[in-house]
C-alpha atoms as a PDB file:
ATOM      1  CA  MET A   1     102.019  49.356-201.803  1.00  0.00           C
ATOM      2  CA  GLU A   2     103.976  46.732-203.715  1.00  0.00           C
ATOM      3  CA  ASP A   3     107.746  46.833-203.352  1.00  0.00           C
ATOM      4  CA  PRO A   4     109.337  46.548-206.819  1.00  0.00           C
ATOM      5  CA  LEU A   5     112.577  45.114-205.405  1.00  0.00           C
ATOM      6  CA  LEU A   6     110.791  42.330-203.505  1.00  0.00           C
ATOM      7  CA  ASN A   7     108.659  41.665-206.579  1.00  0.00           C
ATOM      8  CA  PHE A   8     111.878  41.303-208.600  1.00  0.00           C
ATOM      9  CA  LEU A   9     113.439  39.023-205.968  1.00  0.00           C
ATOM     10  CA  VAL A  10     110.386  36.745-206.013  1.00  0.00           C
ATOM     11  CA  LYS A  11     110.805  36.408-209.789  1.00  0.00           C
ATOM     12  CA  PHE A  12     114.519  35.710-209.265  1.00  0.00           C
ATOM     13  CA  GLN A  13     113.725  32.992-206.706  1.00  0.00           C
ATOM     14  CA  ASN A  14     111.139  31.445-209.020  1.00  0.00           C
ATOM     15  CA  LEU A  15     113.777  31.301-211.759  1.00  0.00           C
ATOM     16  CA  VAL A  16     116.295  29.695-209.353  1.00  0.00           C
ATOM     17  CA  ALA A  17     113.674  27.104-208.352  1.00  0.00           C
ATOM     18  CA  LYS A  18     113.096  26.181-212.013  1.00  0.00           C
ATOM     19  CA  ASN A  19     116.817  25.528-212.439  1.00  0.00           C
ATOM     20  CA  VAL A  20     117.292  23.215-209.463  1.00  0.00           C
ATOM     21  CA  SER A  21     118.778  19.843-210.374  1.00  0.00           C
ATOM     22  CA  ILE A  22     117.691  16.967-208.127  1.00  0.00           C
ATOM     23  CA  THR A  23     120.196  14.191-208.792  1.00  0.00           C
ATOM     24  CA  HIS A  24     121.851  11.539-206.642  1.00  0.00           C
ATOM     25  CA  LEU A  25     125.298  12.604-205.439  1.00  0.00           C
ATOM     26  CA  GLY A  26     126.159   9.678-203.168  1.00  0.00           C
ATOM     27  CA  VAL A  27     126.969  11.495-199.916  1.00  0.00           C
ATOM     28  CA  GLU A  28     128.602   8.364-198.508  1.00  0.00           C
ATOM     29  CA  ASN A  29     131.329   8.640-201.185  1.00  0.00           C
ATOM     30  CA  VAL A  30     132.009  12.365-200.723  1.00  0.00           C
ATOM     31  CA  LYS A  31     135.604  12.991-199.646  1.00  0.00           C
ATOM     32  CA  SER A  32     135.627  16.786-199.386  1.00  0.00           C
ATOM     33  CA  ILE A  33     132.996  19.154-198.031  1.00  0.00           C
ATOM     34  CA  CYS A  34     132.599  22.844-197.377  1.00  0.00           C
ATOM     35  CA  ALA A  35     130.341  24.440-194.767  1.00  0.00           C
ATOM     36  CA  LEU A  36     129.075  28.029-194.794  1.00  0.00           C
ATOM     37  CA  ASP A  37     127.821  30.178-191.922  1.00  0.00           C
ATOM     38  CA  ILE A  38     127.772  33.865-191.039  1.00  0.00           C
ATOM     39  CA  ALA A  39     127.667  36.043-187.923  1.00  0.00           C
ATOM     40  CA  TYR A  40     126.925  39.768-187.657  1.00  0.00           C
ATOM     41  CA  LYS A  41     128.259  42.714-185.722  1.00  0.00           C
ATOM     42  CA  GLY A  42     126.206  45.774-186.571  1.00  0.00           C
ATOM     43  CA  ASN A  43     125.944  45.894-190.356  1.00  0.00           C
ATOM     44  CA  ILE A  44     129.115  43.841-190.916  1.00  0.00           C
ATOM     45  CA  GLY A  45     128.731  40.164-191.748  1.00  0.00           C
ATOM     46  CA  TYR A  46     131.519  37.663-191.063  1.00  0.00           C
ATOM     47  CA  ALA A  47     131.044  34.778-193.492  1.00  0.00           C
ATOM     48  CA  VAL A  48     133.044  31.610-192.940  1.00  0.00           C
ATOM     49  CA  ALA A  49     133.815  28.759-195.309  1.00  0.00           C
ATOM     50  CA  VAL A  50     135.137  25.637-193.584  1.00  0.00           C
ATOM     51  CA  TYR A  51     136.818  23.074-195.823  1.00  0.00           C
ATOM     52  CA  PHE A  52     137.267  19.451-194.773  1.00  0.00           C
ATOM     53  CA  ASP A  53     139.172  16.998-196.983  1.00  0.00           C
ATOM     54  CA  GLY A  54     138.590  13.940-194.804  1.00  0.00           C
ATOM     55  CA  ASN A  55     141.731  14.574-192.748  1.00  0.00           C
ATOM     56  CA  LYS A  56     142.035  18.209-191.790  1.00  0.00           C
ATOM     57  CA  TYR A  57     139.867  21.301-191.491  1.00  0.00           C
ATOM     58  CA  GLU A  58     140.766  24.673-193.019  1.00  0.00           C
ATOM     59  CA  HIS A  59     138.751  27.876-193.045  1.00  0.00           C
ATOM     60  CA  TYR A  60     138.517  31.294-194.626  1.00  0.00           C
ATOM     61  CA  VAL A  61     136.688  34.352-193.267  1.00  0.00           C
ATOM     62  CA  PHE A  62     135.275  37.087-195.485  1.00  0.00           C
ATOM     63  CA  ALA A  63     133.901  40.239-193.835  1.00  0.00           C
ATOM     64  CA  GLY A  64     131.675  42.691-195.640  1.00  0.00           C
ATOM     65  CA  GLU A  65     128.910  45.229-195.223  1.00  0.00           C
ATOM     66  CA  VAL A  66     125.295  44.032-195.230  1.00  0.00           C
ATOM     67  CA  ASN A  67     122.758  46.644-196.316  1.00  0.00           C
ATOM     68  CA  PHE A  68     119.710  44.481-197.062  1.00  0.00           C
ATOM     69  CA  PRO A  69     117.251  44.246-194.121  1.00  0.00           C
ATOM     70  CA  TYR A  70     116.237  40.932-192.578  1.00  0.00           C
ATOM     71  CA  ILE A  71     113.054  39.869-194.377  1.00  0.00           C
ATOM     72  CA  PRO A  72     111.858  36.265-193.915  1.00  0.00           C
ATOM     73  CA  THR A  73     112.180  34.175-197.133  1.00  0.00           C
ATOM     74  CA  PHE A  74     114.723  36.671-198.569  1.00  0.00           C
ATOM     75  CA  LEU A  75     117.639  35.741-196.299  1.00  0.00           C
ATOM     76  CA  PHE A  76     119.821  34.992-199.332  1.00  0.00           C
ATOM     77  CA  MET A  77     120.056  38.735-200.091  1.00  0.00           C
ATOM     78  CA  ARG A  78     121.813  39.347-196.768  1.00  0.00           C
ATOM     79  CA  GLU A  79     123.973  36.260-196.585  1.00  0.00           C
ATOM     80  CA  ALA A  80     124.595  34.669-199.991  1.00  0.00           C
ATOM     81  CA  PRO A  81     126.921  37.394-201.415  1.00  0.00           C
ATOM     82  CA  LEU A  82     129.310  37.117-198.448  1.00  0.00           C
ATOM     83  CA  MET A  83     129.038  33.332-198.174  1.00  0.00           C
ATOM     84  CA  MET A  84     129.822  32.926-201.874  1.00  0.00           C
ATOM     85  CA  LYS A  85     132.855  35.204-201.492  1.00  0.00           C
ATOM     86  CA  ALA A  86     134.110  33.132-198.540  1.00  0.00           C
ATOM     87  CA  LEU A  87     133.578  29.934-200.527  1.00  0.00           C
ATOM     88  CA  GLU A  88     135.660  31.079-203.524  1.00  0.00           C
ATOM     89  CA  LYS A  89     138.894  29.835-201.949  1.00  0.00           C
ATOM     90  CA  TYR A  90     137.668  26.229-201.705  1.00  0.00           C
ATOM     91  CA  GLN A  91     134.826  25.983-204.213  1.00  0.00           C
ATOM     92  CA  ASP A  92     136.719  23.938-206.807  1.00  0.00           C
ATOM     93  CA  GLN A  93     137.852  21.425-204.174  1.00  0.00           C
ATOM     94  CA  CYS A  94     134.431  20.785-202.583  1.00  0.00           C
ATOM     95  CA  GLN A  95     132.268  17.865-203.665  1.00  0.00           C
ATOM     96  CA  LEU A  96     129.430  19.030-201.401  1.00  0.00           C
ATOM     97  CA  THR A  97     128.678  22.361-199.729  1.00  0.00           C
ATOM     98  CA  LEU A  98     126.573  22.572-196.566  1.00  0.00           C
ATOM     99  CA  VAL A  99     124.813  25.859-195.923  1.00  0.00           C
ATOM    100  CA  ASP A 100     123.423  27.132-192.629  1.00  0.00           C
ATOM    101  CA  GLY A 101     119.880  27.709-193.905  1.00  0.00           C
ATOM    102  CA  HIS A 102     117.189  26.072-196.005  1.00  0.00           C
ATOM    103  CA  GLY A 103     117.171  24.641-199.496  1.00  0.00           C
ATOM    104  CA  LEU A 104     113.860  23.601-201.075  1.00  0.00           C
ATOM    105  CA  ALA A 105     112.085  23.829-197.680  1.00  0.00           C
ATOM    106  CA  HIS A 106     111.070  27.372-198.615  1.00  0.00           C
ATOM    107  CA  PRO A 107     107.800  28.884-199.906  1.00  0.00           C
ATOM    108  CA  ARG A 108     109.318  29.392-203.372  1.00  0.00           C
ATOM    109  CA  ARG A 109     111.632  26.330-203.239  1.00  0.00           C
ATOM    110  CA  SER A 110     114.493  28.801-203.164  1.00  0.00           C
ATOM    111  CA  GLY A 111     116.195  29.004-199.789  1.00  0.00           C
ATOM    112  CA  ILE A 112     119.781  30.187-199.467  1.00  0.00           C
ATOM    113  CA  ALA A 113     121.272  26.698-199.985  1.00  0.00           C
ATOM    114  CA  THR A 114     119.363  26.390-203.265  1.00  0.00           C
ATOM    115  CA  VAL A 115     120.263  29.905-204.438  1.00  0.00           C
ATOM    116  CA  ILE A 116     123.977  29.309-203.821  1.00  0.00           C
ATOM    117  CA  GLY A 117     123.817  25.822-205.361  1.00  0.00           C
ATOM    118  CA  VAL A 118     122.095  26.974-208.551  1.00  0.00           C
ATOM    119  CA  LEU A 119     124.150  30.158-209.013  1.00  0.00           C
ATOM    120  CA  LEU A 120     127.455  28.300-208.579  1.00  0.00           C
ATOM    121  CA  ASN A 121     126.204  25.056-210.201  1.00  0.00           C
ATOM    122  CA  ILE A 122     127.373  22.969-207.225  1.00  0.00           C
ATOM    123  CA  PRO A 123     125.840  20.296-204.944  1.00  0.00           C
ATOM    124  CA  THR A 124     124.394  21.874-201.778  1.00  0.00           C
ATOM    125  CA  ILE A 125     122.346  20.793-198.766  1.00  0.00           C
ATOM    126  CA  GLY A 126     120.656  23.220-196.395  1.00  0.00           C
ATOM    127  CA  VAL A 127     120.873  22.562-192.657  1.00  0.00           C
ATOM    128  CA  ALA A 128     118.704  24.871-190.558  1.00  0.00           C
ATOM    129  CA  LYS A 129     117.981  25.213-186.872  1.00  0.00           C
ATOM    130  CA  SER A 130     114.286  26.048-187.274  1.00  0.00           C
ATOM    131  CA  ARG A 131     111.495  25.302-189.732  1.00  0.00           C
ATOM    132  CA  LEU A 132     110.651  27.996-192.245  1.00  0.00           C
ATOM    133  CA  PHE A 133     108.102  26.301-194.483  1.00  0.00           C
ATOM    134  CA  GLY A 134     106.531  22.945-195.239  1.00  0.00           C
ATOM    135  CA  GLU A 135     104.762  20.312-193.207  1.00  0.00           C
ATOM    136  CA  GLU A 136     106.434  17.766-190.969  1.00  0.00           C
ATOM    137  CA  VAL A 137     105.118  14.332-191.942  1.00  0.00           C
ATOM    138  CA  ARG A 138     106.119  11.261-189.953  1.00  0.00           C
ATOM    139  CA  GLU A 139     106.556   8.032-191.915  1.00  0.00           C
ATOM    140  CA  GLY A 140     108.209   5.119-190.152  1.00  0.00           C
ATOM    141  CA  GLU A 141     111.517   6.301-188.710  1.00  0.00           C
ATOM    142  CA  GLU A 142     111.638   9.516-190.721  1.00  0.00           C
ATOM    143  CA  THR A 143     110.019  12.906-190.279  1.00  0.00           C
ATOM    144  CA  TYR A 144     109.902  14.405-193.760  1.00  0.00           C
ATOM    145  CA  ILE A 145     109.627  18.055-194.668  1.00  0.00           C
ATOM    146  CA  VAL A 146     106.901  18.195-197.298  1.00  0.00           C
ATOM    147  CA  VAL A 147     106.330  21.205-199.571  1.00  0.00           C
ATOM    148  CA  ASN A 148     103.295  21.105-201.848  1.00  0.00           C
ATOM    149  CA  GLY A 149     103.142  17.308-201.591  1.00  0.00           C
ATOM    150  CA  GLU A 150     106.857  16.809-202.343  1.00  0.00           C
ATOM    151  CA  LYS A 151     109.358  15.454-199.798  1.00  0.00           C
ATOM    152  CA  VAL A 152     112.219  17.951-199.886  1.00  0.00           C
ATOM    153  CA  GLY A 153     114.053  17.080-196.677  1.00  0.00           C
ATOM    154  CA  VAL A 154     113.960  15.581-193.198  1.00  0.00           C
ATOM    155  CA  LYS A 155     113.916  16.750-189.613  1.00  0.00           C
ATOM    156  CA  ARG A 156     116.606  15.066-187.532  1.00  0.00           C
ATOM    157  CA  GLY A 157     116.589  15.943-183.841  1.00  0.00           C
ATOM    158  CA  LYS A 158     116.105  19.697-183.755  1.00  0.00           C
ATOM    159  CA  TYR A 159     117.626  20.312-187.201  1.00  0.00           C
ATOM    160  CA  TYR A 160     116.071  20.592-190.657  1.00  0.00           C
ATOM    161  CA  PHE A 161     118.021  19.134-193.588  1.00  0.00           C
ATOM    162  CA  SER A 162     116.795  19.902-197.108  1.00  0.00           C
ATOM    163  CA  ILE A 163     117.807  19.495-200.739  1.00  0.00           C
ATOM    164  CA  GLY A 164     119.737  22.498-202.043  1.00  0.00           C
ATOM    165  CA  ASN A 165     120.913  21.573-205.541  1.00  0.00           C
ATOM    166  CA  LYS A 166     122.474  18.571-207.333  1.00  0.00           C
ATOM    167  CA  VAL A 167     121.547  16.160-204.519  1.00  0.00           C
ATOM    168  CA  ASP A 168     118.444  14.076-203.798  1.00  0.00           C
ATOM    169  CA  LEU A 169     116.382  13.066-200.775  1.00  0.00           C
ATOM    170  CA  VAL A 170     118.498   9.936-200.224  1.00  0.00           C
ATOM    171  CA  ASP A 171     121.606  12.127-199.962  1.00  0.00           C
ATOM    172  CA  VAL A 172     119.887  14.413-197.468  1.00  0.00           C
ATOM    173  CA  ILE A 173     118.722  11.484-195.316  1.00  0.00           C
ATOM    174  CA  THR A 174     122.210   9.911-195.419  1.00  0.00           C
ATOM    175  CA  LEU A 175     123.817  13.167-194.269  1.00  0.00           C
ATOM    176  CA  SER A 176     121.212  13.760-191.552  1.00  0.00           C
ATOM    177  CA  ARG A 177     121.830  10.324-190.033  1.00  0.00           C
ATOM    178  CA  LEU A 178     125.413  11.363-189.291  1.00  0.00           C
ATOM    179  CA  GLY A 179     124.107  14.087-186.962  1.00  0.00           C
ATOM    180  CA  TYR A 180     124.723  17.817-187.133  1.00  0.00           C
ATOM    181  CA  PRO A 181     127.800  18.245-189.382  1.00  0.00           C
ATOM    182  CA  GLU A 182     131.055  19.017-187.580  1.00  0.00           C
ATOM    183  CA  ALA A 183     132.092  21.398-190.386  1.00  0.00           C
ATOM    184  CA  LEU A 184     128.971  23.518-189.779  1.00  0.00           C
ATOM    185  CA  LYS A 185     129.646  23.543-186.028  1.00  0.00           C
ATOM    186  CA  LEU A 186     133.114  24.883-186.788  1.00  0.00           C
ATOM    187  CA  ALA A 187     131.784  27.477-189.259  1.00  0.00           C
ATOM    188  CA  ASP A 188     129.330  28.713-186.616  1.00  0.00           C
ATOM    189  CA  LYS A 189     132.055  28.894-183.941  1.00  0.00           C
ATOM    190  CA  ILE A 190     134.615  30.630-186.168  1.00  0.00           C
ATOM    191  CA  SER A 191     132.089  33.210-187.466  1.00  0.00           C
ATOM    192  CA  LYS A 192     131.174  34.164-183.875  1.00  0.00           C
ATOM    193  CA  GLU A 193     134.860  34.398-182.924  1.00  0.00           C
ATOM    194  CA  ALA A 194     135.562  36.564-185.987  1.00  0.00           C
ATOM    195  CA  LYS A 195     132.873  39.106-185.104  1.00  0.00           C
ATOM    196  CA  GLY A 196     134.076  39.143-181.496  1.00  0.00           C
ATOM    197  CA  LYS A 197     137.585  40.164-182.537  1.00  0.00           C
ATOM    198  CA  ARG A 198     136.439  43.290-184.380  1.00  0.00           C
END
């Protein structure tokens, strides 16, 4: 039997995908970034926004209840509300937001990094630890993530970097060549510490 909520969410994701802006940001010139990650303890999610201004790191933790089940390709329903709340403190200061998850490397071109980027109208890049969707195509030095014939990101080491919103493939490649972002490492660490304290 068809689930009306999932049917609605597919339509929502399709709408998000239509509103993605792929434009060159110039990652090499970005001075301030935010990174978003989340950890769970039971049905409580601990979302962390790490802000880096080029000199120092700051962070903010937002804890909240998560009632939506884990369903592959609908991760944004569990994590985006809390991540966006954590980001509020720094959103206006961030030139680029990195999200633990996928962007366009998603069956409906609407991973969590894309959803957050489109809803907030900000530049985002998804950085994930495993592949969700798309083919890995090796060309020269790069392994591209290809969705329906379009290069939407790259695999670098064991990580998958993909376009979220308001960036392009060049930006994603530039970021990936710097290795796994330190701000995301911190967001991951702090979220796990936060859940451990409760």
